Protein backbone atom coordinates (compact mmCIF):
# COMPACT_ATOMS: atom_id res chain seq x y z
CA MET A 1 99.15 103.57 126.05
CA THR A 2 100.72 100.49 127.48
CA ALA A 3 103.01 100.85 130.46
CA ILE A 4 106.29 98.98 130.33
CA LYS A 5 108.64 98.22 133.17
CA VAL A 6 112.27 99.09 132.68
CA PRO A 7 114.33 96.73 134.84
CA TYR A 8 117.51 97.90 136.48
CA LEU A 9 120.54 95.91 135.49
CA HIS A 10 121.67 95.42 139.09
CA PHE A 11 118.32 95.64 140.88
CA ASP A 12 119.08 92.63 143.09
CA GLU A 13 122.27 94.29 144.34
CA TYR A 14 120.32 97.44 145.19
CA VAL A 15 117.86 95.43 147.26
CA ASN A 16 120.64 93.49 149.04
CA GLU A 17 122.41 96.73 149.94
CA ASP A 18 119.20 98.46 151.11
CA VAL A 19 119.41 101.03 148.31
CA ASP A 20 116.04 102.68 147.67
CA ALA A 21 115.43 101.57 144.10
CA ARG A 22 112.04 101.21 142.49
CA VAL A 23 111.11 99.78 139.15
CA ILE A 24 109.85 102.70 137.13
CA GLU A 25 107.02 102.19 134.69
CA TYR A 26 107.20 104.17 131.46
CA GLU A 27 104.59 104.46 128.78
CA ASP A 28 105.55 102.63 125.61
CA ASN A 29 105.81 105.31 122.92
CA ARG A 30 106.37 102.87 120.01
CA PRO A 31 102.85 103.52 118.61
CA LEU A 32 103.59 107.25 118.49
CA LEU A 33 106.98 106.72 116.90
CA ASP A 34 105.32 104.52 114.28
CA LEU A 35 102.65 107.17 113.70
CA PHE A 36 105.35 109.68 112.79
CA LEU A 37 108.18 107.57 111.37
CA LYS A 38 106.80 104.32 109.93
CA LYS A 39 107.47 103.85 106.23
CA PRO A 40 105.66 104.13 103.91
CA MET A 41 102.61 105.23 105.91
CA GLY A 42 103.93 107.39 108.74
CA MET A 43 103.10 111.10 108.93
CA LEU A 44 106.53 112.22 107.73
CA SER A 45 106.50 109.81 104.77
CA LEU A 46 103.00 110.93 103.81
CA LEU A 47 104.05 114.59 104.10
CA ASP A 48 107.05 113.99 101.82
CA GLU A 49 104.89 112.09 99.34
CA GLU A 50 102.22 114.78 99.22
CA SER A 51 104.91 117.48 98.84
CA ARG A 52 105.94 115.94 95.52
CA PHE A 53 102.54 116.69 93.96
CA PRO A 54 102.39 120.28 92.68
CA GLN A 55 98.58 120.40 92.92
CA ALA A 56 98.52 119.11 96.52
CA THR A 57 97.17 121.42 99.22
CA ASP A 58 97.27 121.42 102.99
CA GLN A 59 93.67 120.14 102.86
CA THR A 60 94.65 117.16 100.68
CA LEU A 61 97.50 116.47 103.11
CA VAL A 62 95.13 116.31 106.09
CA GLU A 63 92.79 114.08 104.08
CA LYS A 64 95.73 111.81 103.23
CA PHE A 65 96.60 111.62 106.93
CA GLU A 66 93.00 110.72 107.76
CA ASP A 67 92.81 108.06 105.03
CA ASN A 68 96.13 106.38 105.86
CA LEU A 69 96.92 106.82 109.54
CA LYS A 70 95.24 103.97 111.34
CA SER A 71 96.15 104.76 114.91
CA LYS A 72 94.14 105.41 118.05
CA ASN A 73 96.54 108.34 118.64
CA PHE A 74 95.39 110.21 115.50
CA TRP A 75 92.00 111.83 114.92
CA ARG A 76 90.29 114.60 112.94
CA PRO A 77 88.33 117.21 114.90
CA LYS A 78 84.88 117.92 113.47
CA ARG A 79 84.23 121.24 111.68
CA VAL A 80 87.90 122.29 111.57
CA ASP A 81 89.19 121.91 107.99
CA LEU A 82 92.98 121.96 108.28
CA SER A 83 93.25 120.42 111.72
CA PHE A 84 94.16 117.00 113.04
CA GLY A 85 94.78 115.73 116.53
CA ILE A 86 97.42 113.58 118.12
CA HIS A 87 97.17 112.04 121.56
CA HIS A 88 100.68 111.89 122.99
CA TYR A 89 102.62 112.64 126.17
CA ALA A 90 101.27 116.21 126.23
CA GLY A 91 97.69 114.91 126.10
CA LYS A 92 95.31 115.45 123.21
CA VAL A 93 96.76 118.19 121.02
CA ILE A 94 95.15 119.69 117.91
CA TYR A 95 97.48 120.82 115.12
CA ASN A 96 96.70 123.17 112.23
CA ALA A 97 98.24 121.90 108.98
CA GLY A 98 98.16 125.33 107.34
CA GLY A 99 101.53 125.86 105.66
CA PHE A 100 102.83 122.32 106.20
CA LEU A 101 103.34 121.63 102.49
CA SER A 102 104.99 124.96 101.70
CA LYS A 103 107.36 124.56 104.63
CA ASN A 104 108.20 121.02 103.60
CA ARG A 105 108.83 122.17 100.01
CA ASP A 106 110.99 125.01 101.27
CA THR A 107 113.84 125.52 98.85
CA LEU A 108 116.86 127.76 98.81
CA PRO A 109 116.40 131.09 97.02
CA ALA A 110 117.89 131.16 93.51
CA ASP A 111 120.54 133.76 94.41
CA ILE A 112 121.80 131.56 97.26
CA VAL A 113 121.98 128.52 94.96
CA LEU A 114 123.95 130.57 92.41
CA LEU A 115 126.30 131.75 95.14
CA LEU A 116 126.87 128.18 96.38
CA ARG A 117 127.44 126.95 92.81
CA SER A 118 130.22 129.51 92.45
CA SER A 119 131.95 128.34 95.66
CA GLU A 120 135.63 127.51 95.50
CA ASN A 121 134.93 124.44 97.64
CA SER A 122 134.18 121.45 95.42
CA LEU A 123 131.88 119.77 97.97
CA ILE A 124 129.72 122.88 98.30
CA ARG A 125 129.48 123.15 94.50
CA LYS A 126 128.62 119.47 94.23
CA LEU A 127 125.87 119.66 96.85
CA VAL A 128 123.94 122.26 94.87
CA THR A 129 124.82 121.02 91.37
CA HIS A 130 124.11 117.28 91.64
CA PRO A 131 121.09 116.02 93.57
CA LEU A 132 121.85 113.71 96.46
CA THR A 133 120.09 110.34 96.30
CA LYS A 134 119.79 107.56 98.90
CA THR A 135 122.85 105.83 97.45
CA GLY A 136 125.03 108.77 96.43
CA TRP A 137 125.24 111.74 94.10
CA GLU A 138 123.63 111.60 90.67
CA ARG A 139 126.15 112.50 88.04
CA MET A 140 125.42 112.59 84.32
CA GLY A 141 122.65 110.00 84.56
CA ARG A 142 124.42 107.52 86.83
CA THR A 143 124.92 107.27 90.55
CA GLU A 144 128.39 107.45 91.97
CA ASN A 145 129.24 104.47 94.12
CA ARG A 146 131.26 103.70 97.25
CA SER A 147 134.59 104.10 95.46
CA ASP A 148 133.87 107.82 95.52
CA LEU A 149 133.63 107.90 99.32
CA GLY A 150 137.34 108.61 99.68
CA ARG A 151 137.00 111.66 97.47
CA VAL A 152 133.91 112.81 99.39
CA HIS A 153 135.82 112.37 102.67
CA THR A 154 138.60 114.52 101.24
CA ASP A 155 136.05 117.12 100.16
CA LEU A 156 134.54 117.13 103.65
CA SER A 157 137.93 117.66 105.25
CA LEU A 158 138.40 120.69 103.00
CA CYS A 159 135.29 122.18 104.60
CA ASP A 160 137.26 122.62 107.81
CA ASP A 161 139.45 125.11 105.95
CA VAL A 162 136.39 127.12 104.90
CA ALA A 163 134.87 127.35 108.38
């Protein structure tokens, strides 16, 4: 990893006033952040993508990681099927991907969904009745737009009464 220097805003003043101040070098963790968060080929994006395929397995997930993650911080240990390694601040760490997909697909039990759908609070009912998209709630084949934000804000304020 590359070390970066983080300058102090008033370093010159510290030196002039004989304050013991040193420039601290930190490792740049941008490559690791990209490994996890970069879209569309970061680990979390790949995990979400693989979770959408019903026939996907933890093994296919690890293979997808290996095929798509082009980083010196990621590797596959030999002779360990569901494992992959990441070299980060804790050193070289091996992870077992067993259960990753099922945990990522984790859904609410049906009885909880039914209970939430019967809530007296309209926001709670809406959250479990209409799927939330990147731009708003889907409702009868169309997406609600920003004009509905005032109503959502009102719904959210009603949640304070429930808590």
